[in-house]
């Protein structure tokens, strides 16, 4: 009778132990594998930039889209339209006043490092991330945080850390901590991944 009463508790304990063992086995390779399975996706974002000289954060919102392995678009709709389109090695910036600027990432390694924090994460490309960052992962598949610390002195003068968090293969937040103390936080919702 005591055995029958303990059976459900023992079964629950064994399941929990199994889940904890699985979580302990989960790591960067598993996260990168899950992320690499997403070939494209669209989402909306709200970004807040905290700048020391301002009392309130600057807020922007818009749409994001990603097509593996190397196309990323960030289209800001509010407060004013702007587009950043990354396609391979080229970054195109389109301003609301009609001005366009194209930057070659090969010519700007600090911009390349910044861009790869997002693009390589979305593509699940660990090798690309490790070219520019030391990687630390915490959490589990259901709630993880990837912390990227630049390894290049030139990049460290701009960004001290990038924190990317998510659930399974979905990125939910991106936070950039700047070397000067300013930072930005992007919340991503409505992810439609394929």
N, C-alpha and C. Protein backbone atom coordinates (compact mmCIF):
# COMPACT_ATOMS: atom_id res chain seq x y z
N UNK A 1 0.82 -1.19 0.00
CA UNK A 1 0.00 0.00 0.00
C UNK A 1 0.87 1.25 0.00
N UNK A 2 1.90 1.25 0.83
CA UNK A 2 2.82 2.37 0.86
C UNK A 2 3.52 2.51 -0.49
N UNK A 3 3.82 1.36 -1.11
CA UNK A 3 4.47 1.37 -2.42
C UNK A 3 3.56 2.02 -3.45
N UNK A 4 2.27 1.72 -3.43
CA UNK A 4 1.33 2.32 -4.37
C UNK A 4 1.24 3.82 -4.17
N UNK A 5 1.31 4.26 -2.92
CA UNK A 5 1.24 5.70 -2.63
C UNK A 5 2.49 6.43 -3.09
N UNK A 6 3.64 5.76 -3.00
CA UNK A 6 4.90 6.38 -3.39
C UNK A 6 5.16 6.30 -4.89
N UNK A 7 4.50 5.43 -5.59
CA UNK A 7 4.75 5.22 -7.02
C UNK A 7 4.61 6.51 -7.83
N UNK A 8 3.53 7.28 -7.68
CA UNK A 8 3.42 8.52 -8.46
C UNK A 8 4.53 9.52 -8.11
N UNK A 9 4.88 9.60 -6.83
CA UNK A 9 5.94 10.53 -6.41
C UNK A 9 7.28 10.10 -6.99
N UNK A 10 7.54 8.79 -6.94
CA UNK A 10 8.79 8.27 -7.49
C UNK A 10 8.84 8.49 -9.00
N UNK A 11 7.74 8.26 -9.68
CA UNK A 11 7.69 8.46 -11.13
C UNK A 11 7.95 9.93 -11.47
N UNK A 12 7.33 10.85 -10.72
CA UNK A 12 7.55 12.28 -10.95
C UNK A 12 8.99 12.67 -10.70
N UNK A 13 9.59 12.10 -9.64
CA UNK A 13 10.99 12.40 -9.32
C UNK A 13 11.91 11.89 -10.43
N UNK A 14 11.63 10.72 -10.96
CA UNK A 14 12.45 10.16 -12.05
C UNK A 14 12.32 11.01 -13.31
N UNK A 15 11.09 11.46 -13.60
CA UNK A 15 10.90 12.33 -14.78
C UNK A 15 11.65 13.64 -14.61
N UNK A 16 11.58 14.25 -13.42
CA UNK A 16 12.29 15.49 -13.15
C UNK A 16 13.79 15.29 -13.28
N UNK A 17 14.29 14.18 -12.72
CA UNK A 17 15.72 13.89 -12.81
C UNK A 17 16.13 13.73 -14.27
N UNK A 18 15.29 13.07 -15.06
CA UNK A 18 15.58 12.91 -16.49
C UNK A 18 15.59 14.24 -17.21
N UNK A 19 14.63 15.10 -16.87
CA UNK A 19 14.59 16.43 -17.49
C UNK A 19 15.79 17.26 -17.09
N UNK A 20 16.20 17.19 -15.82
CA UNK A 20 17.37 17.94 -15.37
C UNK A 20 18.64 17.43 -16.04
N UNK A 21 18.75 16.12 -16.21
CA UNK A 21 19.92 15.55 -16.89
C UNK A 21 19.94 16.03 -18.33
N UNK A 22 18.78 16.06 -18.99
CA UNK A 22 18.72 16.53 -20.37
C UNK A 22 19.11 18.00 -20.45
N UNK A 23 18.62 18.81 -19.49
CA UNK A 23 18.96 20.24 -19.46
C UNK A 23 20.45 20.44 -19.27
N UNK A 24 21.06 19.59 -18.43
CA UNK A 24 22.50 19.71 -18.18
C UNK A 24 23.30 19.39 -19.44
N UNK A 25 22.76 18.53 -20.29
CA UNK A 25 23.44 18.16 -21.53
C UNK A 25 23.26 19.22 -22.61
N UNK A 26 22.31 20.13 -22.44
CA UNK A 26 22.00 21.13 -23.44
C UNK A 26 23.05 22.23 -23.42
N UNK A 27 23.57 22.62 -24.58
CA UNK A 27 24.60 23.65 -24.60
C UNK A 27 24.60 24.46 -25.88
N UNK A 28 25.70 25.15 -26.13
CA UNK A 28 25.82 26.03 -27.28
C UNK A 28 25.60 25.27 -28.59
N UNK A 29 26.17 24.08 -28.71
CA UNK A 29 26.01 23.30 -29.94
C UNK A 29 24.53 22.99 -30.20
N UNK A 30 23.78 22.67 -29.14
CA UNK A 30 22.36 22.37 -29.28
C UNK A 30 21.58 23.62 -29.70
N UNK A 31 21.90 24.76 -29.09
CA UNK A 31 21.22 26.00 -29.46
C UNK A 31 21.51 26.36 -30.91
N UNK A 32 22.78 26.28 -31.31
CA UNK A 32 23.14 26.62 -32.69
C UNK A 32 22.45 25.68 -33.68
N UNK A 33 22.35 24.40 -33.33
CA UNK A 33 21.66 23.43 -34.19
C UNK A 33 20.19 23.81 -34.35
N UNK A 34 19.53 24.15 -33.25
CA UNK A 34 18.11 24.53 -33.30
C UNK A 34 17.92 25.80 -34.14
N UNK A 35 18.77 26.79 -33.92
CA UNK A 35 18.66 28.05 -34.67
C UNK A 35 18.91 27.84 -36.16
N UNK A 36 19.85 26.98 -36.49
CA UNK A 36 20.20 26.76 -37.91
C UNK A 36 19.08 26.10 -38.70
N UNK A 37 18.12 25.51 -38.02
CA UNK A 37 17.00 24.87 -38.70
C UNK A 37 15.99 25.88 -39.25
N UNK A 38 16.02 27.11 -38.73
CA UNK A 38 15.11 28.16 -39.19
C UNK A 38 15.68 28.80 -40.45
N UNK A 39 15.04 28.59 -41.57
CA UNK A 39 15.55 29.11 -42.84
C UNK A 39 15.10 30.53 -43.14
N UNK A 40 14.00 30.95 -42.53
CA UNK A 40 13.54 32.33 -42.70
C UNK A 40 12.56 32.65 -41.59
N UNK A 41 12.32 33.94 -41.40
CA UNK A 41 11.36 34.34 -40.39
C UNK A 41 11.07 35.83 -40.47
N UNK A 42 9.90 36.19 -39.97
CA UNK A 42 9.49 37.59 -39.89
C UNK A 42 8.97 37.84 -38.50
N UNK A 43 9.15 39.05 -38.03
CA UNK A 43 8.70 39.41 -36.68
C UNK A 43 8.53 40.92 -36.60
N UNK A 44 7.97 41.37 -35.49
CA UNK A 44 7.91 42.79 -35.20
C UNK A 44 8.85 43.06 -34.03
N UNK A 45 9.26 44.31 -33.90
CA UNK A 45 10.17 44.66 -32.80
C UNK A 45 9.81 46.00 -32.20
N UNK A 46 10.19 46.15 -30.95
CA UNK A 46 10.19 47.44 -30.26
C UNK A 46 11.59 47.57 -29.67
N UNK A 47 12.25 48.67 -29.98
CA UNK A 47 13.61 48.89 -29.51
C UNK A 47 13.65 50.16 -28.67
N UNK A 48 14.29 50.04 -27.51
CA UNK A 48 14.48 51.20 -26.64
C UNK A 48 15.97 51.44 -26.49
N UNK A 49 16.38 52.69 -26.76
CA UNK A 49 17.78 53.07 -26.62
C UNK A 49 17.90 54.00 -25.42
N UNK A 50 18.73 53.58 -24.48
CA UNK A 50 18.96 54.35 -23.26
C UNK A 50 20.28 55.10 -23.40
N UNK A 51 20.17 56.42 -23.46
CA UNK A 51 21.32 57.28 -23.67
C UNK A 51 21.47 58.17 -22.45
N UNK A 52 22.67 58.21 -21.89
CA UNK A 52 22.93 58.90 -20.62
C UNK A 52 22.42 60.34 -20.60
N UNK A 53 22.57 61.06 -21.69
CA UNK A 53 22.18 62.48 -21.68
C UNK A 53 20.68 62.71 -21.84
N UNK A 54 19.90 61.63 -22.03
CA UNK A 54 18.45 61.78 -22.20
C UNK A 54 17.71 61.24 -20.99
N UNK A 55 16.62 61.91 -20.61
CA UNK A 55 15.82 61.47 -19.46
C UNK A 55 14.98 60.23 -19.78
N UNK A 56 14.53 60.14 -21.01
CA UNK A 56 13.68 59.03 -21.45
C UNK A 56 14.38 58.26 -22.57
N UNK A 57 14.13 56.95 -22.66
CA UNK A 57 14.73 56.20 -23.77
C UNK A 57 14.10 56.59 -25.11
N UNK A 58 14.87 56.48 -26.16
CA UNK A 58 14.35 56.66 -27.50
C UNK A 58 13.70 55.34 -27.90
N UNK A 59 12.50 55.40 -28.44
CA UNK A 59 11.79 54.16 -28.79
C UNK A 59 11.50 54.12 -30.28
N UNK A 60 11.71 52.96 -30.87
CA UNK A 60 11.43 52.74 -32.28
C UNK A 60 10.75 51.38 -32.42
N UNK A 61 9.97 51.23 -33.47
CA UNK A 61 9.33 49.94 -33.71
C UNK A 61 9.24 49.70 -35.20
N UNK A 62 9.08 48.42 -35.54
CA UNK A 62 9.01 48.08 -36.95
C UNK A 62 9.00 46.59 -37.16
N UNK A 63 9.59 46.18 -38.29
CA UNK A 63 9.56 44.78 -38.70
C UNK A 63 10.97 44.27 -38.95
N UNK A 64 11.15 42.99 -38.66
CA UNK A 64 12.40 42.29 -38.94
C UNK A 64 12.11 41.13 -39.86
N UNK A 65 13.06 40.82 -40.73
CA UNK A 65 12.95 39.59 -41.51
C UNK A 65 14.36 39.03 -41.72
N UNK A 66 14.41 37.71 -41.77
CA UNK A 66 15.68 37.01 -41.93
C UNK A 66 15.50 35.89 -42.93
N UNK A 67 16.44 35.78 -43.86
CA UNK A 67 16.48 34.66 -44.78
C UNK A 67 17.89 34.10 -44.72
N UNK A 68 17.98 32.85 -44.27
CA UNK A 68 19.29 32.20 -44.13
C UNK A 68 19.96 32.07 -45.49
N UNK A 69 21.25 32.16 -45.58
CA UNK A 69 22.13 32.29 -44.42
C UNK A 69 22.54 33.73 -44.09
N UNK A 70 22.27 34.70 -44.98
CA UNK A 70 22.91 36.00 -44.75
C UNK A 70 22.11 37.24 -45.11
N UNK A 71 20.79 37.13 -45.16
CA UNK A 71 19.98 38.34 -45.45
C UNK A 71 19.16 38.68 -44.21
N UNK A 72 19.33 39.90 -43.75
CA UNK A 72 18.63 40.40 -42.57
C UNK A 72 18.12 41.80 -42.87
N UNK A 73 16.85 42.04 -42.58
CA UNK A 73 16.26 43.36 -42.79
C UNK A 73 15.64 43.86 -41.49
N UNK A 74 15.91 45.11 -41.20
CA UNK A 74 15.28 45.79 -40.07
C UNK A 74 14.63 47.04 -40.64
N UNK A 75 13.31 47.03 -40.68
CA UNK A 75 12.56 48.16 -41.22
C UNK A 75 11.86 48.88 -40.07
N UNK A 76 12.37 50.05 -39.74
CA UNK A 76 11.78 50.86 -38.69
C UNK A 76 10.61 51.62 -39.29
N UNK A 77 9.46 51.56 -38.64
CA UNK A 77 8.27 52.26 -39.11
C UNK A 77 7.99 53.50 -38.28
N UNK A 78 8.27 53.42 -36.97
CA UNK A 78 8.06 54.55 -36.06
C UNK A 78 9.33 54.76 -35.26
N UNK A 79 9.72 55.96 -34.95
CA UNK A 79 9.04 57.23 -35.17
C UNK A 79 9.15 57.74 -36.60
N UNK A 80 10.16 57.27 -37.35
CA UNK A 80 10.23 57.64 -38.77
C UNK A 80 10.81 56.45 -39.53
N UNK A 81 10.37 56.31 -40.78
CA UNK A 81 10.80 55.16 -41.57
C UNK A 81 12.32 55.16 -41.82
N UNK A 82 12.89 53.97 -41.70
CA UNK A 82 14.30 53.76 -41.98
C UNK A 82 14.47 52.26 -42.24
N UNK A 83 15.40 51.92 -43.10
CA UNK A 83 15.64 50.50 -43.38
C UNK A 83 17.13 50.19 -43.33
N UNK A 84 17.44 49.08 -42.70
CA UNK A 84 18.79 48.51 -42.72
C UNK A 84 18.64 47.15 -43.39
N UNK A 85 19.31 46.97 -44.50
CA UNK A 85 19.22 45.71 -45.23
C UNK A 85 20.63 45.15 -45.36
N UNK A 86 20.83 44.01 -44.76
CA UNK A 86 22.11 43.32 -44.81
C UNK A 86 21.96 42.15 -45.77
N UNK A 87 22.76 42.18 -46.81
CA UNK A 87 22.71 41.10 -47.81
C UNK A 87 24.14 40.69 -48.10
N UNK A 88 24.53 39.54 -47.57
CA UNK A 88 25.91 39.08 -47.73
C UNK A 88 26.85 40.03 -47.03
N UNK A 89 27.78 40.60 -47.80
CA UNK A 89 28.81 41.49 -47.26
C UNK A 89 28.41 42.97 -47.31
N UNK A 90 27.23 43.27 -47.81
CA UNK A 90 26.80 44.66 -47.99
C UNK A 90 25.69 45.04 -47.03
N UNK A 91 25.85 46.21 -46.44
CA UNK A 91 24.82 46.79 -45.58
C UNK A 91 24.30 48.04 -46.26
N UNK A 92 23.00 48.05 -46.55
CA UNK A 92 22.36 49.20 -47.16
C UNK A 92 21.53 49.91 -46.11
N UNK A 93 21.75 51.21 -45.96
CA UNK A 93 20.99 52.03 -45.01
C UNK A 93 20.15 52.99 -45.84
N UNK A 94 18.83 52.95 -45.64
CA UNK A 94 17.91 53.86 -46.34
C UNK A 94 17.25 54.74 -45.30
N UNK A 95 17.47 56.04 -45.39
CA UNK A 95 16.90 57.01 -44.43
C UNK A 95 15.55 57.52 -44.92
N UNK A 96 14.78 58.10 -44.01
CA UNK A 96 13.46 58.62 -44.34
C UNK A 96 13.52 59.78 -45.33
N UNK A 97 14.66 60.47 -45.39
CA UNK A 97 14.80 61.59 -46.32
C UNK A 97 15.21 61.14 -47.72
N UNK A 98 15.25 59.82 -47.95
CA UNK A 98 15.60 59.29 -49.26
C UNK A 98 17.08 59.00 -49.45
N UNK A 99 17.91 59.41 -48.50
CA UNK A 99 19.35 59.16 -48.62
C UNK A 99 19.64 57.68 -48.43
N UNK A 100 20.59 57.17 -49.21
CA UNK A 100 20.99 55.78 -49.12
C UNK A 100 22.50 55.71 -48.95
N UNK A 101 22.92 54.76 -48.15
CA UNK A 101 24.34 54.55 -47.90
C UNK A 101 24.60 53.05 -47.95
N UNK A 102 25.64 52.65 -48.67
CA UNK A 102 26.02 51.25 -48.72
C UNK A 102 27.39 51.10 -48.09
N UNK A 103 27.49 50.12 -47.17
CA UNK A 103 28.74 49.87 -46.46
C UNK A 103 29.17 48.43 -46.75
N UNK A 104 30.44 48.27 -47.11
CA UNK A 104 31.00 46.94 -47.27
C UNK A 104 31.54 46.48 -45.91
N UNK A 105 31.06 45.34 -45.45
CA UNK A 105 31.51 44.85 -44.15
C UNK A 105 33.00 44.52 -44.14
N UNK A 106 33.53 44.16 -45.29
CA UNK A 106 34.97 43.87 -45.37
C UNK A 106 35.80 45.11 -45.06
N UNK A 107 35.26 46.28 -45.37
CA UNK A 107 35.97 47.54 -45.11
C UNK A 107 35.78 48.05 -43.69
N UNK A 108 34.81 47.53 -42.98
CA UNK A 108 34.49 48.01 -41.63
C UNK A 108 34.36 46.83 -40.67
N UNK A 109 35.48 46.29 -40.17
CA UNK A 109 35.43 45.10 -39.32
C UNK A 109 34.61 45.28 -38.05
N UNK A 110 34.57 46.49 -37.49
CA UNK A 110 33.78 46.69 -36.27
C UNK A 110 32.29 46.61 -36.58
N UNK A 111 31.88 47.07 -37.76
CA UNK A 111 30.48 46.95 -38.18
C UNK A 111 30.17 45.48 -38.45
N UNK A 112 31.10 44.78 -39.08
CA UNK A 112 30.91 43.35 -39.35
C UNK A 112 30.70 42.57 -38.06
N UNK A 113 31.49 42.87 -37.05
CA UNK A 113 31.36 42.18 -35.76
C UNK A 113 30.00 42.46 -35.14
N UNK A 114 29.56 43.69 -35.19
CA UNK A 114 28.26 44.09 -34.66
C UNK A 114 27.14 43.33 -35.38
N UNK A 115 27.20 43.33 -36.70
CA UNK A 115 26.19 42.67 -37.52
C UNK A 115 26.16 41.16 -37.27
N UNK A 116 27.32 40.56 -37.17
CA UNK A 116 27.38 39.11 -36.99
C UNK A 116 26.80 38.65 -35.67
N UNK A 117 26.77 39.53 -34.66
CA UNK A 117 26.16 39.12 -33.39
C UNK A 117 24.72 38.69 -33.61
N UNK A 118 24.01 39.37 -34.49
CA UNK A 118 22.62 39.03 -34.78
C UNK A 118 22.52 38.00 -35.89
N UNK A 119 23.14 38.28 -37.02
CA UNK A 119 22.99 37.40 -38.18
C UNK A 119 23.50 35.99 -37.90
N UNK A 120 24.69 35.87 -37.31
CA UNK A 120 25.25 34.54 -37.04
C UNK A 120 24.43 33.81 -35.99
N UNK A 121 23.87 34.54 -35.03
CA UNK A 121 23.00 33.88 -34.05
C UNK A 121 21.75 33.34 -34.73
N UNK A 122 21.09 34.17 -35.54
CA UNK A 122 19.89 33.72 -36.24
C UNK A 122 20.17 32.53 -37.16
N UNK A 123 21.35 32.51 -37.77
CA UNK A 123 21.71 31.42 -38.68
C UNK A 123 22.25 30.20 -37.93
N UNK A 124 22.47 30.34 -36.62
CA UNK A 124 23.05 29.24 -35.86
C UNK A 124 24.48 28.95 -36.28
N UNK A 125 25.20 30.00 -36.64
CA UNK A 125 26.57 29.87 -37.15
C UNK A 125 27.58 30.16 -36.04
N UNK A 126 27.92 29.14 -35.30
CA UNK A 126 28.83 29.28 -34.16
C UNK A 126 30.21 29.74 -34.61
N UNK A 127 30.68 29.23 -35.73
CA UNK A 127 32.01 29.61 -36.23
C UNK A 127 32.09 31.11 -36.48
N UNK A 128 31.06 31.67 -37.10
CA UNK A 128 31.04 33.12 -37.36
C UNK A 128 31.01 33.90 -36.05
N UNK A 129 30.23 33.45 -35.08
CA UNK A 129 30.18 34.13 -33.79
C UNK A 129 31.54 34.11 -33.10
N UNK A 130 32.20 32.95 -33.14
CA UNK A 130 33.48 32.80 -32.44
C UNK A 130 34.61 33.57 -33.10
N UNK A 131 34.41 34.05 -34.34
CA UNK A 131 35.41 34.92 -34.97
C UNK A 131 35.51 36.26 -34.25
N UNK A 132 34.40 36.68 -33.64
CA UNK A 132 34.33 38.01 -33.04
C UNK A 132 34.06 38.01 -31.53
N UNK A 133 33.51 36.92 -31.01
CA UNK A 133 33.02 36.94 -29.62
C UNK A 133 33.42 35.70 -28.83
N UNK A 134 33.56 35.90 -27.52
CA UNK A 134 33.58 34.79 -26.57
C UNK A 134 32.12 34.53 -26.25
N UNK A 135 31.71 33.26 -26.25
CA UNK A 135 30.31 32.89 -26.11
C UNK A 135 30.07 32.25 -24.75
N UNK A 136 29.03 32.70 -24.07
CA UNK A 136 28.58 32.06 -22.83
C UNK A 136 27.08 31.85 -22.93
N UNK A 137 26.62 30.68 -22.54
CA UNK A 137 25.21 30.35 -22.62
C UNK A 137 24.72 29.93 -21.24
N UNK A 138 23.56 30.43 -20.85
CA UNK A 138 22.94 30.01 -19.60
C UNK A 138 21.49 29.64 -19.88
N UNK A 139 20.89 28.89 -18.95
CA UNK A 139 19.50 28.49 -19.09
C UNK A 139 19.36 27.13 -19.73
N UNK A 140 18.20 26.93 -20.35
CA UNK A 140 17.92 25.67 -21.02
C UNK A 140 17.18 25.96 -22.32
N UNK A 141 16.76 24.93 -23.02
CA UNK A 141 16.12 25.11 -24.32
C UNK A 141 14.85 25.96 -24.24
N UNK A 142 14.18 25.92 -23.11
CA UNK A 142 12.93 26.67 -22.97
C UNK A 142 13.15 28.14 -22.64
N UNK A 143 14.28 28.46 -22.05
CA UNK A 143 14.58 29.85 -21.67
C UNK A 143 16.09 29.99 -21.57
N UNK A 144 16.69 30.54 -22.60
CA UNK A 144 18.15 30.64 -22.66
C UNK A 144 18.60 32.09 -22.84
N UNK A 145 19.86 32.33 -22.48
CA UNK A 145 20.49 33.62 -22.73
C UNK A 145 21.91 33.37 -23.24
N UNK A 146 22.20 33.95 -24.37
CA UNK A 146 23.51 33.87 -24.99
C UNK A 146 24.20 35.21 -24.73
N UNK A 147 25.37 35.17 -24.12
CA UNK A 147 26.13 36.39 -23.84
C UNK A 147 27.36 36.39 -24.73
N UNK A 148 27.47 37.42 -25.54
CA UNK A 148 28.59 37.56 -26.48
C UNK A 148 29.47 38.71 -26.01
N UNK A 149 30.74 38.40 -25.77
CA UNK A 149 31.70 39.43 -25.35
C UNK A 149 32.73 39.57 -26.46
N UNK A 150 32.87 40.77 -27.03
CA UNK A 150 33.83 40.95 -28.13
C UNK A 150 35.24 40.53 -27.73
N UNK A 151 35.94 39.94 -28.67
CA UNK A 151 37.32 39.52 -28.43
C UNK A 151 38.31 40.47 -29.09
N UNK A 152 37.83 41.37 -29.92
CA UNK A 152 38.70 42.31 -30.61
C UNK A 152 38.72 43.65 -29.89
N UNK A 153 39.91 44.18 -29.58
CA UNK A 153 40.01 45.46 -28.86
C UNK A 153 39.24 46.60 -29.54
N UNK A 154 39.27 46.65 -30.84
CA UNK A 154 38.58 47.71 -31.58
C UNK A 154 37.06 47.66 -31.33
N UNK A 155 36.53 46.45 -31.30
CA UNK A 155 35.10 46.27 -31.05
C UNK A 155 34.75 46.58 -29.60
N UNK A 156 35.63 46.22 -28.67
CA UNK A 156 35.39 46.49 -27.25
C UNK A 156 35.29 47.98 -26.94
N UNK A 157 35.84 48.81 -27.81
CA UNK A 157 35.72 50.25 -27.62
C UNK A 157 34.31 50.74 -27.92
N UNK A 158 33.53 49.91 -28.63
CA UNK A 158 32.17 50.28 -29.01
C UNK A 158 31.14 49.51 -28.19
N UNK A 159 31.25 48.19 -28.17
CA UNK A 159 30.28 47.31 -27.50
C UNK A 159 30.99 46.49 -26.45
N UNK A 160 30.49 46.50 -25.23
CA UNK A 160 31.11 45.68 -24.19
C UNK A 160 30.50 44.28 -24.14
N UNK A 161 29.21 44.18 -24.52
CA UNK A 161 28.55 42.88 -24.48
C UNK A 161 27.26 42.91 -25.28
N UNK A 162 26.90 41.75 -25.84
CA UNK A 162 25.62 41.57 -26.51
C UNK A 162 24.93 40.42 -25.78
N UNK A 163 23.68 40.64 -25.39
CA UNK A 163 22.91 39.58 -24.71
C UNK A 163 21.69 39.27 -25.56
N UNK A 164 21.58 38.02 -25.93
CA UNK A 164 20.48 37.56 -26.78
C UNK A 164 19.75 36.45 -26.01
N UNK A 165 18.44 36.59 -25.87
CA UNK A 165 17.67 35.60 -25.12
C UNK A 165 16.52 35.08 -25.97
N UNK A 166 16.10 33.87 -25.65
CA UNK A 166 15.01 33.29 -26.41
C UNK A 166 14.45 32.03 -25.82
N UNK A 167 13.58 31.43 -26.60
CA UNK A 167 12.93 30.18 -26.25
C UNK A 167 13.07 29.25 -27.45
N UNK A 168 13.61 28.09 -27.22
CA UNK A 168 13.88 27.12 -28.29
C UNK A 168 14.64 27.83 -29.41
N UNK A 169 14.09 27.81 -30.64
CA UNK A 169 14.80 28.42 -31.77
C UNK A 169 14.30 29.83 -32.08
N UNK A 170 13.64 30.47 -31.12
CA UNK A 170 13.10 31.81 -31.33
C UNK A 170 13.86 32.82 -30.47
N UNK A 171 14.43 33.82 -31.12
CA UNK A 171 15.08 34.92 -30.41
C UNK A 171 13.99 35.87 -29.95
N UNK A 172 14.00 36.23 -28.66
CA UNK A 172 12.97 37.09 -28.09
C UNK A 172 13.47 38.48 -27.72
N UNK A 173 14.72 38.58 -27.28
CA UNK A 173 15.28 39.88 -26.93
C UNK A 173 16.74 39.97 -27.36
N UNK A 174 17.15 41.18 -27.68
CA UNK A 174 18.55 41.47 -28.00
C UNK A 174 18.90 42.75 -27.26
N UNK A 175 19.99 42.68 -26.50
CA UNK A 175 20.43 43.84 -25.73
C UNK A 175 21.89 44.12 -26.06
N UNK A 176 22.18 45.36 -26.43
CA UNK A 176 23.54 45.80 -26.70
C UNK A 176 24.00 46.70 -25.56
N UNK A 177 25.08 46.33 -24.90
CA UNK A 177 25.66 47.16 -23.84
C UNK A 177 26.88 47.85 -24.44
N UNK A 178 26.82 49.15 -24.55
CA UNK A 178 27.89 49.91 -25.16
C UNK A 178 29.01 50.20 -24.17
N UNK A 179 30.19 50.39 -24.69
CA UNK A 179 31.36 50.66 -23.85
C UNK A 179 31.19 51.97 -23.08
N UNK A 180 30.43 52.92 -23.61
CA UNK A 180 30.25 54.21 -22.94
C UNK A 180 29.14 54.20 -21.89
N UNK A 181 28.51 53.04 -21.66
CA UNK A 181 27.46 52.94 -20.66
C UNK A 181 26.05 53.00 -21.22
N UNK A 182 25.87 53.51 -22.43
CA UNK A 182 24.55 53.52 -23.05
C UNK A 182 24.20 52.08 -23.44
N UNK A 183 22.92 51.81 -23.62
CA UNK A 183 22.53 50.48 -24.07
C UNK A 183 21.20 50.52 -24.80
N UNK A 184 20.93 49.46 -25.54
CA UNK A 184 19.64 49.34 -26.22
C UNK A 184 19.07 47.96 -25.95
N UNK A 185 17.74 47.90 -25.93
CA UNK A 185 17.01 46.66 -25.71
C UNK A 185 15.98 46.51 -26.80
N UNK A 186 16.01 45.38 -27.50
CA UNK A 186 15.03 45.11 -28.54
C UNK A 186 14.19 43.90 -28.11
N UNK A 187 12.88 44.08 -28.12
CA UNK A 187 11.97 42.98 -27.84
C UNK A 187 11.33 42.55 -29.15
N UNK A 188 11.40 41.26 -29.43
CA UNK A 188 10.92 40.72 -30.70
C UNK A 188 9.69 39.87 -30.43
N UNK A 189 8.61 40.15 -31.19
CA UNK A 189 7.36 39.41 -31.00
C UNK A 189 6.80 39.00 -32.36
N UNK A 190 5.80 38.16 -32.31
CA UNK A 190 5.12 37.75 -33.53
C UNK A 190 6.04 37.04 -34.49
N UNK A 191 6.93 36.21 -33.95
CA UNK A 191 7.90 35.51 -34.79
C UNK A 191 7.18 34.49 -35.65
N UNK A 192 7.35 34.60 -36.96
CA UNK A 192 6.81 33.64 -37.93
C UNK A 192 8.02 32.99 -38.60
N UNK A 193 8.47 31.87 -38.04
CA UNK A 193 9.67 31.20 -38.54
C UNK A 193 9.30 30.04 -39.45
N UNK A 194 10.19 29.82 -40.44
CA UNK A 194 9.99 28.70 -41.36
C UNK A 194 11.26 27.92 -41.49
